[in-house]
Amino acid sequence: MKQRKLLSQRHPILYFLAVWTRRLKRKAEWFCSGNTYSKLKPIDSSFHRVKKHQSVLLRKLGDGNQELQINKVTNLRIALKQLNGVVIKPGETFSFCKLVGLPTKKKGYLLGMELSFGKARAGIGGGICQIANMIHWLATHSPLTVTERSNHSFDPFPDEGRVLPFGSGAAIFYNYVDLQIKNNTDNTFQLNLWLTDTHLEGELKAKNPLGVSYHIFEKNHQFLKKDTLFFRQNEIWRKVIDKKTGNCLKNELLKKNYARVTYQPENYINTNLKNI
């Protein structure tokens, strides 16, 4: 079954105009929304760790992408300069795109892998979504509220090396596909992000220690087949646990995911497909 291209895909000038219309609208929102946005501060060593995580820098994602993977590390390093140490005070909003800005060659960004229109392709600044994935994962282990977050509309690669549940990341496309997080608590949080030789590392810290911990888990994962097309679905849940008693205070459904799969699942997974 051949999918019909969008009008903007068939006429590039329309795509260009649509993108810049949305970008201008988002810039107007930044200035007129009344939100106070988080800013960079020196790392405060007195803060208490809430959650730490790491993700591998170089993964095997299909054929012929090694150079794009290496370039991605450069892109991550540039973007991290705008994110490492950001403080989210009570009432403030974290905006990934507002802090990082538009990735350009002039800023030193290179061609990396990005996902667009159902394909993985090269784009300036490609790969910085890995940082957004990290920040979103850290935020879900805290009382911070994720107010804006988008998934990629398709799943291009099998689960080789995947650690986090499918659909737990965050897509970024400057500036209207953003990751935004609101601090509706009376506590102050800080993000610490850095690179090692092999990993992107990150931790979320809080000025005051939390009385609860969080556990993220997946439910109802399923690959589906419709005619010659494959799809994938699951649910992302969160368990809130009292640190003193160890009791579960509540289970929360965070997200239901449903996306097109662009590889052949039966070649990679040991599970039955459900025909729909």
Protein backbone atom coordinates (compact mmCIF):
# COMPACT_ATOMS: atom_id res chain seq x y z
CA MET A 1 0.00 0.00 0.00
CA LYS A 2 1.62 3.24 -1.18
CA GLN A 3 1.05 6.24 1.07
CA ARG A 4 0.00 9.49 -0.59
CA LYS A 5 2.47 12.34 -0.09
CA LEU A 6 1.35 15.45 1.77
CA LEU A 7 0.83 18.61 -0.26
CA SER A 8 3.83 20.21 1.46
CA GLN A 9 6.01 17.26 0.40
CA ARG A 10 5.02 17.64 -3.23
CA HIS A 11 5.55 21.42 -3.21
CA PRO A 12 8.69 22.37 -1.19
CA ILE A 13 7.86 26.10 -1.14
CA LEU A 14 4.64 25.30 0.75
CA TYR A 15 6.63 23.25 3.26
CA PHE A 16 9.07 26.14 3.74
CA LEU A 17 6.24 28.61 4.31
CA ALA A 18 4.43 26.27 6.70
CA VAL A 19 7.58 25.75 8.78
CA TRP A 20 8.35 29.45 9.12
CA THR A 21 4.74 30.32 9.87
CA ARG A 22 4.81 27.89 12.79
CA ARG A 23 8.22 29.15 13.93
CA LEU A 24 7.02 32.76 14.01
CA LYS A 25 3.89 31.69 15.89
CA ARG A 26 6.01 29.90 18.51
CA LYS A 27 8.30 32.92 18.94
CA ALA A 28 5.24 35.06 19.55
CA GLU A 29 4.08 32.56 22.18
CA TRP A 30 7.44 32.80 23.95
CA PHE A 31 7.03 36.55 24.35
CA CYS A 32 3.28 36.75 24.92
CA SER A 33 2.41 33.62 26.92
CA GLY A 34 3.31 35.11 30.29
CA ASN A 35 5.51 32.10 31.09
CA THR A 36 8.82 32.57 32.86
CA TYR A 37 11.41 30.36 31.20
CA SER A 38 14.28 28.57 32.91
CA LYS A 39 17.89 29.74 32.46
CA LEU A 40 21.42 28.42 32.90
CA LYS A 41 23.07 28.69 36.32
CA PRO A 42 26.32 27.33 37.79
CA ILE A 43 26.00 23.72 38.94
CA ASP A 44 24.99 23.65 42.62
CA SER A 45 26.72 20.73 44.35
CA SER A 46 24.43 21.04 47.39
CA PHE A 47 21.38 19.89 45.42
CA HIS A 48 20.08 16.34 45.97
CA ARG A 49 20.06 13.82 43.13
CA VAL A 50 16.59 12.81 41.95
CA LYS A 51 17.51 10.62 38.98
CA LYS A 52 20.59 9.74 36.92
CA HIS A 53 20.69 8.09 33.49
CA GLN A 54 23.07 7.44 30.62
CA SER A 55 22.62 6.57 26.94
CA VAL A 56 25.10 5.18 24.42
CA LEU A 57 26.48 7.73 21.95
CA LEU A 58 27.13 5.49 18.96
CA ARG A 59 24.53 2.88 18.01
CA LYS A 60 24.06 0.71 14.94
CA LEU A 61 21.02 2.27 13.25
CA GLY A 62 20.73 0.78 9.80
CA ASP A 63 23.36 0.87 7.07
CA GLY A 64 25.70 3.65 6.05
CA ASN A 65 25.09 6.00 8.99
CA GLN A 66 28.40 5.84 10.88
CA GLU A 67 29.52 9.31 9.79
CA LEU A 68 26.17 10.77 10.81
CA GLN A 69 26.51 9.07 14.19
CA ILE A 70 29.98 10.57 14.70
CA ASN A 71 28.71 14.00 13.63
CA LYS A 72 25.90 13.61 16.14
CA VAL A 73 28.41 13.66 18.98
CA THR A 74 29.62 17.07 17.82
CA ASN A 75 26.03 18.28 17.67
CA LEU A 76 25.35 17.00 21.18
CA ARG A 77 28.43 18.76 22.52
CA ILE A 78 27.31 22.11 21.08
CA ALA A 79 23.72 21.78 22.32
CA LEU A 80 24.82 20.73 25.80
CA LYS A 81 26.51 24.11 26.30
CA GLN A 82 23.02 25.67 26.29
CA LEU A 83 21.47 23.07 28.59
CA ASN A 84 23.97 21.90 31.21
CA GLY A 85 23.13 23.61 34.50
CA VAL A 86 19.67 24.90 33.57
CA VAL A 87 17.64 25.65 36.70
CA ILE A 88 13.86 25.26 36.76
CA LYS A 89 12.53 27.35 39.64
CA PRO A 90 8.97 27.13 41.02
CA GLY A 91 6.55 28.43 38.40
CA GLU A 92 9.13 28.35 35.59
CA THR A 93 8.92 26.50 32.27
CA PHE A 94 11.80 24.63 30.64
CA SER A 95 11.81 24.90 26.83
CA PHE A 96 14.37 22.81 24.94
CA CYS A 97 14.07 24.82 21.72
CA LYS A 98 14.21 28.22 23.44
CA LEU A 99 17.45 27.29 25.19
CA VAL A 100 19.22 25.50 22.33
CA GLY A 101 18.03 27.72 19.48
CA LEU A 102 18.11 26.91 15.77
CA PRO A 103 20.92 24.46 14.86
CA THR A 104 22.95 26.00 12.01
CA LYS A 105 26.27 25.44 10.25
CA LYS A 106 27.42 28.83 11.54
CA LYS A 107 27.10 27.54 15.11
CA GLY A 108 29.21 24.49 14.21
CA TYR A 109 26.44 21.94 13.82
CA LEU A 110 27.07 19.11 11.36
CA LEU A 111 24.89 16.77 9.33
CA GLY A 112 23.42 14.17 11.67
CA MET A 113 20.55 11.73 11.44
CA GLU A 114 17.04 13.12 11.81
CA LEU A 115 13.63 11.54 11.32
CA SER A 116 11.25 13.28 8.96
CA PHE A 117 8.31 12.30 6.71
CA GLY A 118 8.68 8.63 7.56
CA LYS A 119 12.39 8.42 6.77
CA ALA A 120 15.75 8.69 8.51
CA ARG A 121 17.86 11.25 6.67
CA ALA A 122 20.71 13.71 7.12
CA GLY A 123 19.98 17.15 8.56
CA ILE A 124 21.98 19.94 10.20
CA GLY A 125 21.95 19.37 13.94
CA GLY A 126 20.54 15.87 13.58
CA GLY A 127 20.78 13.70 16.68
CA ILE A 128 20.17 16.30 19.40
CA CYS A 129 16.86 14.58 20.13
CA GLN A 130 19.00 12.21 22.22
CA ILE A 131 19.36 15.01 24.77
CA ALA A 132 15.61 15.67 24.72
CA ASN A 133 15.02 11.95 25.28
CA MET A 134 17.35 12.10 28.28
CA ILE A 135 15.71 15.18 29.79
CA HIS A 136 12.22 13.77 29.31
CA TRP A 137 13.21 10.50 30.99
CA LEU A 138 14.70 12.37 33.95
CA ALA A 139 11.63 14.60 34.26
CA THR A 140 9.25 11.63 34.38
CA HIS A 141 11.10 10.52 37.53
CA SER A 142 10.17 13.74 39.30
CA PRO A 143 7.11 15.84 40.21
CA LEU A 144 7.83 18.17 37.28
CA THR A 145 4.98 18.39 34.74
CA VAL A 146 5.67 17.66 31.07
CA THR A 147 3.39 20.19 29.34
CA GLU A 148 4.55 19.65 25.74
CA ARG A 149 6.13 16.63 24.16
CA SER A 150 5.90 14.89 20.79
CA ASN A 151 6.82 11.41 19.65
CA HIS A 152 8.22 10.59 16.26
CA SER A 153 5.35 9.46 14.05
CA PHE A 154 7.17 6.27 13.05
CA ASP A 155 9.63 3.71 14.40
CA PRO A 156 12.55 3.37 11.92
CA PHE A 157 14.89 0.96 13.71
CA PRO A 158 14.55 -2.34 15.61
CA ASP A 159 15.23 -2.54 19.34
CA GLU A 160 18.91 -3.48 19.17
CA GLY A 161 20.46 -1.84 22.24
CA ARG A 162 17.24 -0.10 23.31
CA VAL A 163 17.10 0.38 27.09
CA LEU A 164 14.04 2.57 27.60
CA PRO A 165 10.48 1.56 26.65
CA PHE A 166 9.37 2.34 23.12
CA GLY A 167 7.77 5.78 22.89
CA SER A 168 9.39 7.25 26.00
CA GLY A 169 11.51 9.79 24.10
CA ALA A 170 10.81 13.29 22.79
CA ALA A 171 11.00 14.54 19.21
CA ILE A 172 12.46 17.99 18.53
CA PHE A 173 12.17 20.22 15.45
CA TYR A 174 13.00 23.87 15.99
CA ASN A 175 11.03 25.48 17.32
CA TYR A 176 7.43 24.31 17.21
CA VAL A 177 8.09 20.63 18.01
CA ASP A 178 9.41 21.26 21.49
CA LEU A 179 9.90 19.64 24.87
CA GLN A 180 8.47 21.86 27.60
CA ILE A 181 8.41 21.08 31.31
CA LYS A 182 6.66 23.16 33.99
CA ASN A 183 7.67 23.32 37.63
CA ASN A 184 4.38 23.41 39.54
CA THR A 185 6.08 22.58 42.85
CA ASP A 186 7.71 24.72 45.54
CA ASN A 187 11.06 22.97 44.95
CA THR A 188 13.87 24.05 42.60
CA PHE A 189 15.42 21.62 40.10
CA GLN A 190 18.64 21.62 38.09
CA LEU A 191 19.78 19.57 35.08
CA ASN A 192 23.37 18.39 34.83
CA LEU A 193 24.30 16.97 31.40
CA TRP A 194 27.67 15.87 30.03
CA LEU A 195 29.46 13.56 27.59
CA THR A 196 31.96 10.79 28.26
CA ASP A 197 33.85 8.91 25.56
CA THR A 198 30.98 6.48 25.14
CA HIS A 199 27.82 7.94 26.70
CA LEU A 200 25.57 10.92 27.15
CA GLU A 201 25.16 11.29 30.91
CA GLY A 202 22.50 13.22 32.78
CA GLU A 203 21.09 13.81 36.22
CA LEU A 204 18.21 15.78 37.64
CA LYS A 205 18.78 17.31 41.07
CA ALA A 206 16.52 19.11 43.53
CA LYS A 207 17.20 21.77 46.14
CA ASN A 208 15.18 19.82 48.70
CA PRO A 209 15.07 15.99 48.81
CA LEU A 210 11.91 14.30 47.55
CA GLY A 211 9.71 12.14 49.74
CA VAL A 212 8.77 9.86 46.86
CA SER A 213 10.50 7.94 44.08
CA TYR A 214 9.22 7.01 40.63
CA HIS A 215 9.31 3.85 38.54
CA ILE A 216 8.47 3.93 34.81
CA PHE A 217 7.21 0.78 33.14
CA GLU A 218 5.53 -0.43 29.95
CA LYS A 219 2.21 -2.19 29.47
CA ASN A 220 0.32 -3.74 26.56
CA HIS A 221 3.16 -3.72 24.05
CA GLN A 222 2.10 -5.14 20.68
CA PHE A 223 3.23 -5.21 17.04
CA LEU A 224 0.34 -4.99 14.58
CA LYS A 225 0.07 -5.76 10.88
CA LYS A 226 -2.43 -4.24 8.47
CA ASP A 227 -2.11 -5.50 4.90
CA THR A 228 1.63 -4.96 4.17
CA LEU A 229 2.14 -2.28 6.83
CA PHE A 230 3.38 -2.73 10.40
CA PHE A 231 2.51 -0.70 13.48
CA ARG A 232 3.51 -0.69 17.12
CA GLN A 233 1.65 0.27 20.26
CA ASN A 234 2.19 0.37 24.01
CA GLU A 235 1.40 2.29 27.18
CA ILE A 236 3.88 4.10 29.45
CA TRP A 237 2.97 4.00 33.14
CA ARG A 238 4.48 5.51 36.27
CA LYS A 239 4.44 4.15 39.80
CA VAL A 240 4.83 6.68 42.65
CA ILE A 241 6.44 5.14 45.74
CA ASP A 242 6.67 6.53 49.27
CA LYS A 243 10.36 6.45 50.23
CA LYS A 244 9.71 5.93 53.95
CA THR A 245 7.24 3.05 53.74
CA GLY A 246 7.98 1.64 50.28
CA ASN A 247 4.24 1.68 49.58
CA CYS A 248 2.89 2.47 46.14
CA LEU A 249 0.91 5.69 46.36
CA LYS A 250 -0.51 5.57 42.83
CA ASN A 251 -0.09 4.26 39.30
CA GLU A 252 -0.38 6.82 36.49
CA LEU A 253 -0.85 6.35 32.76
CA LEU A 254 1.57 8.80 31.15
CA LYS A 255 1.22 8.04 27.45
CA LYS A 256 -0.39 5.73 24.90
CA ASN A 257 1.83 5.23 21.83
CA TYR A 258 0.90 4.14 18.33
CA ALA A 259 3.33 4.46 15.43
CA ARG A 260 4.13 3.09 12.00
CA VAL A 261 7.05 0.62 11.90
CA THR A 262 9.29 0.98 8.81
CA TYR A 263 11.25 -2.29 9.25
CA GLN A 264 10.08 -5.90 9.19
CA PRO A 265 9.33 -6.78 12.84
CA GLU A 266 9.28 -10.54 12.26
CA ASN A 267 12.98 -10.36 11.31
CA TYR A 268 13.94 -8.92 14.70
CA ILE A 269 11.45 -9.91 17.37
CA ASN A 270 10.39 -13.14 18.96
CA THR A 271 6.70 -12.44 19.22
CA ASN A 272 3.48 -12.95 17.33
CA LEU A 273 2.07 -10.21 15.14
CA LYS A 274 -1.56 -9.26 15.49
CA ASN A 275 -3.35 -8.76 12.19
CA ILE A 276 -5.81 -5.87 12.14
